[in-house]
């Protein structure tokens, strides 16, 4: 199994970014592929991912991954003033996770 390191800008190990390689080995022509998963708790920044051959540590390659901050969800009601009973208003939002299930609740003052 190859060795995988994920380091931050200070060359310290990072928790929350996991890398898994397909079959934990290279293909017959020396290629590797896999998946990188980033937890929501990972701070925005640039991280270095290094994959090293288990039997020969001199054979390694690195790539950088930039993690951006998740947007703060926003919600807008149009018109923004008031609505009369029986009137429909438009609700639009952004900054939610892609394909996430959402629900809406209402309350009165």
C-alpha atoms as a PDB file:
ATOM      1  CA  UNK A   1       0.000   0.000   0.000  1.00  0.00           C
ATOM      2  CA  UNK A   2       1.460   3.400  -0.934  1.00  0.00           C
ATOM      3  CA  UNK A   3       2.075   5.982   1.747  1.00  0.00           C
ATOM      4  CA  UNK A   4      -0.141   9.078   1.528  1.00  0.00           C
ATOM      5  CA  UNK A   5       0.578  12.343   3.337  1.00  0.00           C
ATOM      6  CA  UNK A   6      -1.596  15.444   3.474  1.00  0.00           C
ATOM      7  CA  UNK A   7       0.191  18.506   4.869  1.00  0.00           C
ATOM      8  CA  UNK A   8      -0.804  22.103   5.471  1.00  0.00           C
ATOM      9  CA  UNK A   9       1.261  25.185   4.568  1.00  0.00           C
ATOM     10  CA  UNK A  10       3.346  24.639   7.726  1.00  0.00           C
ATOM     11  CA  UNK A  11       4.129  21.027   6.679  1.00  0.00           C
ATOM     12  CA  UNK A  12       1.940  19.666   9.477  1.00  0.00           C
ATOM     13  CA  UNK A  13      -0.389  16.677   9.004  1.00  0.00           C
ATOM     14  CA  UNK A  14      -4.018  17.531   8.280  1.00  0.00           C
ATOM     15  CA  UNK A  15      -7.070  15.800   9.670  1.00  0.00           C
ATOM     16  CA  UNK A  16     -10.246  15.917   7.631  1.00  0.00           C
ATOM     17  CA  UNK A  17      -8.735  15.405   4.184  1.00  0.00           C
ATOM     18  CA  UNK A  18      -8.654  11.732   3.290  1.00  0.00           C
ATOM     19  CA  UNK A  19      -7.181  10.175   0.175  1.00  0.00           C
ATOM     20  CA  UNK A  20      -7.954   6.692  -1.064  1.00  0.00           C
ATOM     21  CA  UNK A  21      -6.272   5.136  -4.073  1.00  0.00           C
ATOM     22  CA  UNK A  22      -8.051   2.653  -6.287  1.00  0.00           C
ATOM     23  CA  UNK A  23      -6.822  -0.828  -5.282  1.00  0.00           C
ATOM     24  CA  UNK A  24      -4.034   0.832  -3.213  1.00  0.00           C
ATOM     25  CA  UNK A  25      -1.621   0.342  -6.099  1.00  0.00           C
ATOM     26  CA  UNK A  26      -0.602   1.622  -9.503  1.00  0.00           C
ATOM     27  CA  UNK A  27      -1.763   0.197 -12.809  1.00  0.00           C
ATOM     28  CA  UNK A  28       0.473  -1.823 -15.148  1.00  0.00           C
ATOM     29  CA  UNK A  29       1.629   1.420 -16.795  1.00  0.00           C
ATOM     30  CA  UNK A  30       2.390   3.131 -13.435  1.00  0.00           C
ATOM     31  CA  UNK A  31      -0.731   5.292 -13.132  1.00  0.00           C
ATOM     32  CA  UNK A  32      -2.651   5.891  -9.909  1.00  0.00           C
ATOM     33  CA  UNK A  33      -6.168   7.190  -9.375  1.00  0.00           C
ATOM     34  CA  UNK A  34      -8.435   7.618  -6.424  1.00  0.00           C
ATOM     35  CA  UNK A  35     -10.616   9.958  -4.421  1.00  0.00           C
ATOM     36  CA  UNK A  36      -9.938  12.907  -2.125  1.00  0.00           C
ATOM     37  CA  UNK A  37     -12.614  13.701   0.479  1.00  0.00           C
ATOM     38  CA  UNK A  38     -12.632  17.001   2.347  1.00  0.00           C
ATOM     39  CA  UNK A  39     -14.555  17.269   5.628  1.00  0.00           C
ATOM     40  CA  UNK A  40     -16.587  20.415   6.297  1.00  0.00           C
ATOM     41  CA  UNK A  41     -14.327  21.086   9.297  1.00  0.00           C
ATOM     42  CA  UNK A  42     -11.214  21.634   7.121  1.00  0.00           C
ATOM     43  CA  UNK A  43     -10.114  25.269   7.096  1.00  0.00           C
ATOM     44  CA  UNK A  44      -9.774  27.126   3.819  1.00  0.00           C
ATOM     45  CA  UNK A  45      -6.208  27.027   2.525  1.00  0.00           C
ATOM     46  CA  UNK A  46      -3.741  25.194   0.313  1.00  0.00           C
ATOM     47  CA  UNK A  47      -2.743  21.635   1.163  1.00  0.00           C
ATOM     48  CA  UNK A  48      -0.122  19.299  -0.286  1.00  0.00           C
ATOM     49  CA  UNK A  49      -0.993  15.677  -1.029  1.00  0.00           C
ATOM     50  CA  UNK A  50       1.979  13.335  -1.494  1.00  0.00           C
ATOM     51  CA  UNK A  51       1.806   9.713  -2.638  1.00  0.00           C
ATOM     52  CA  UNK A  52       4.922   7.596  -2.044  1.00  0.00           C
ATOM     53  CA  UNK A  53       5.680   4.048  -3.145  1.00  0.00           C
ATOM     54  CA  UNK A  54       5.749   1.754  -0.138  1.00  0.00           C
ATOM     55  CA  UNK A  55       8.824  -0.218  -1.212  1.00  0.00           C
ATOM     56  CA  UNK A  56      10.782   2.730  -2.625  1.00  0.00           C
ATOM     57  CA  UNK A  57      10.317   6.017  -0.727  1.00  0.00           C
ATOM     58  CA  UNK A  58      12.395   7.870  -3.322  1.00  0.00           C
ATOM     59  CA  UNK A  59       9.508   7.425  -5.785  1.00  0.00           C
ATOM     60  CA  UNK A  60       6.860   9.967  -4.911  1.00  0.00           C
ATOM     61  CA  UNK A  61       4.755  12.748  -6.388  1.00  0.00           C
ATOM     62  CA  UNK A  62       2.886  15.680  -4.887  1.00  0.00           C
ATOM     63  CA  UNK A  63      -0.075  17.814  -5.851  1.00  0.00           C
ATOM     64  CA  UNK A  64      -1.702  20.816  -4.212  1.00  0.00           C
ATOM     65  CA  UNK A  65      -5.341  21.097  -3.237  1.00  0.00           C
ATOM     66  CA  UNK A  66      -6.949  24.448  -2.506  1.00  0.00           C
ATOM     67  CA  UNK A  67      -9.911  24.335  -0.129  1.00  0.00           C
ATOM     68  CA  UNK A  68     -12.208  27.341  -0.237  1.00  0.00           C
ATOM     69  CA  UNK A  69     -14.530  28.510   2.498  1.00  0.00           C
ATOM     70  CA  UNK A  70     -18.100  27.336   2.161  1.00  0.00           C
ATOM     71  CA  UNK A  71     -20.426  30.222   1.401  1.00  0.00           C
ATOM     72  CA  UNK A  72     -22.810  31.354   4.101  1.00  0.00           C
ATOM     73  CA  UNK A  73     -26.330  30.465   2.989  1.00  0.00           C
ATOM     74  CA  UNK A  74     -28.497  33.433   2.022  1.00  0.00           C
ATOM     75  CA  UNK A  75     -32.251  33.621   1.681  1.00  0.00           C
ATOM     76  CA  UNK A  76     -34.310  36.363   0.038  1.00  0.00           C
ATOM     77  CA  UNK A  77     -38.053  37.014  -0.036  1.00  0.00           C
ATOM     78  CA  UNK A  78     -39.409  39.172  -2.894  1.00  0.00           C
ATOM     79  CA  UNK A  79     -41.070  41.576  -2.504  1.00  0.00           C
ATOM     80  CA  UNK A  80     -39.050  42.424   0.597  1.00  0.00           C
ATOM     81  CA  UNK A  81     -41.641  44.669   2.196  1.00  0.00           C
ATOM     82  CA  UNK A  82     -44.949  43.138   3.206  1.00  0.00           C
ATOM     83  CA  UNK A  83     -47.423  40.704   1.730  1.00  0.00           C
ATOM     84  CA  UNK A  84     -51.172  40.652   2.066  1.00  0.00           C
ATOM     85  CA  UNK A  85     -53.126  37.541   2.941  1.00  0.00           C
ATOM     86  CA  UNK A  86     -53.555  35.352  -0.118  1.00  0.00           C
ATOM     87  CA  UNK A  87     -50.562  36.918  -1.869  1.00  0.00           C
ATOM     88  CA  UNK A  88     -47.649  34.771  -3.068  1.00  0.00           C
ATOM     89  CA  UNK A  89     -44.083  35.924  -2.626  1.00  0.00           C
ATOM     90  CA  UNK A  90     -40.907  34.539  -4.181  1.00  0.00           C
ATOM     91  CA  UNK A  91     -38.294  32.787  -2.040  1.00  0.00           C
ATOM     92  CA  UNK A  92     -34.724  32.352  -3.371  1.00  0.00           C
ATOM     93  CA  UNK A  93     -31.609  31.077  -1.649  1.00  0.00           C
ATOM     94  CA  UNK A  94     -27.973  30.291  -2.354  1.00  0.00           C
ATOM     95  CA  UNK A  95     -25.005  28.846  -0.516  1.00  0.00           C
ATOM     96  CA  UNK A  96     -26.659  25.541   0.395  1.00  0.00           C
ATOM     97  CA  UNK A  97     -24.896  22.220  -0.283  1.00  0.00           C
ATOM     98  CA  UNK A  98     -25.522  20.755  -3.733  1.00  0.00           C
ATOM     99  CA  UNK A  99     -28.398  18.270  -3.803  1.00  0.00           C
ATOM    100  CA  UNK A 100     -29.000  18.692  -0.051  1.00  0.00           C
ATOM    101  CA  UNK A 101     -32.468  18.065   1.334  1.00  0.00           C
ATOM    102  CA  UNK A 102     -33.829  21.303   2.793  1.00  0.00           C
ATOM    103  CA  UNK A 103     -36.929  22.277   4.705  1.00  0.00           C
ATOM    104  CA  UNK A 104     -38.571  25.591   5.487  1.00  0.00           C
ATOM    105  CA  UNK A 105     -40.421  26.688   8.590  1.00  0.00           C
ATOM    106  CA  UNK A 106     -42.302  29.872   9.316  1.00  0.00           C
ATOM    107  CA  UNK A 107     -42.972  31.740  12.499  1.00  0.00           C
ATOM    108  CA  UNK A 108     -44.992  34.817  13.416  1.00  0.00           C
ATOM    109  CA  UNK A 109     -43.824  37.751  15.496  1.00  0.00           C
END
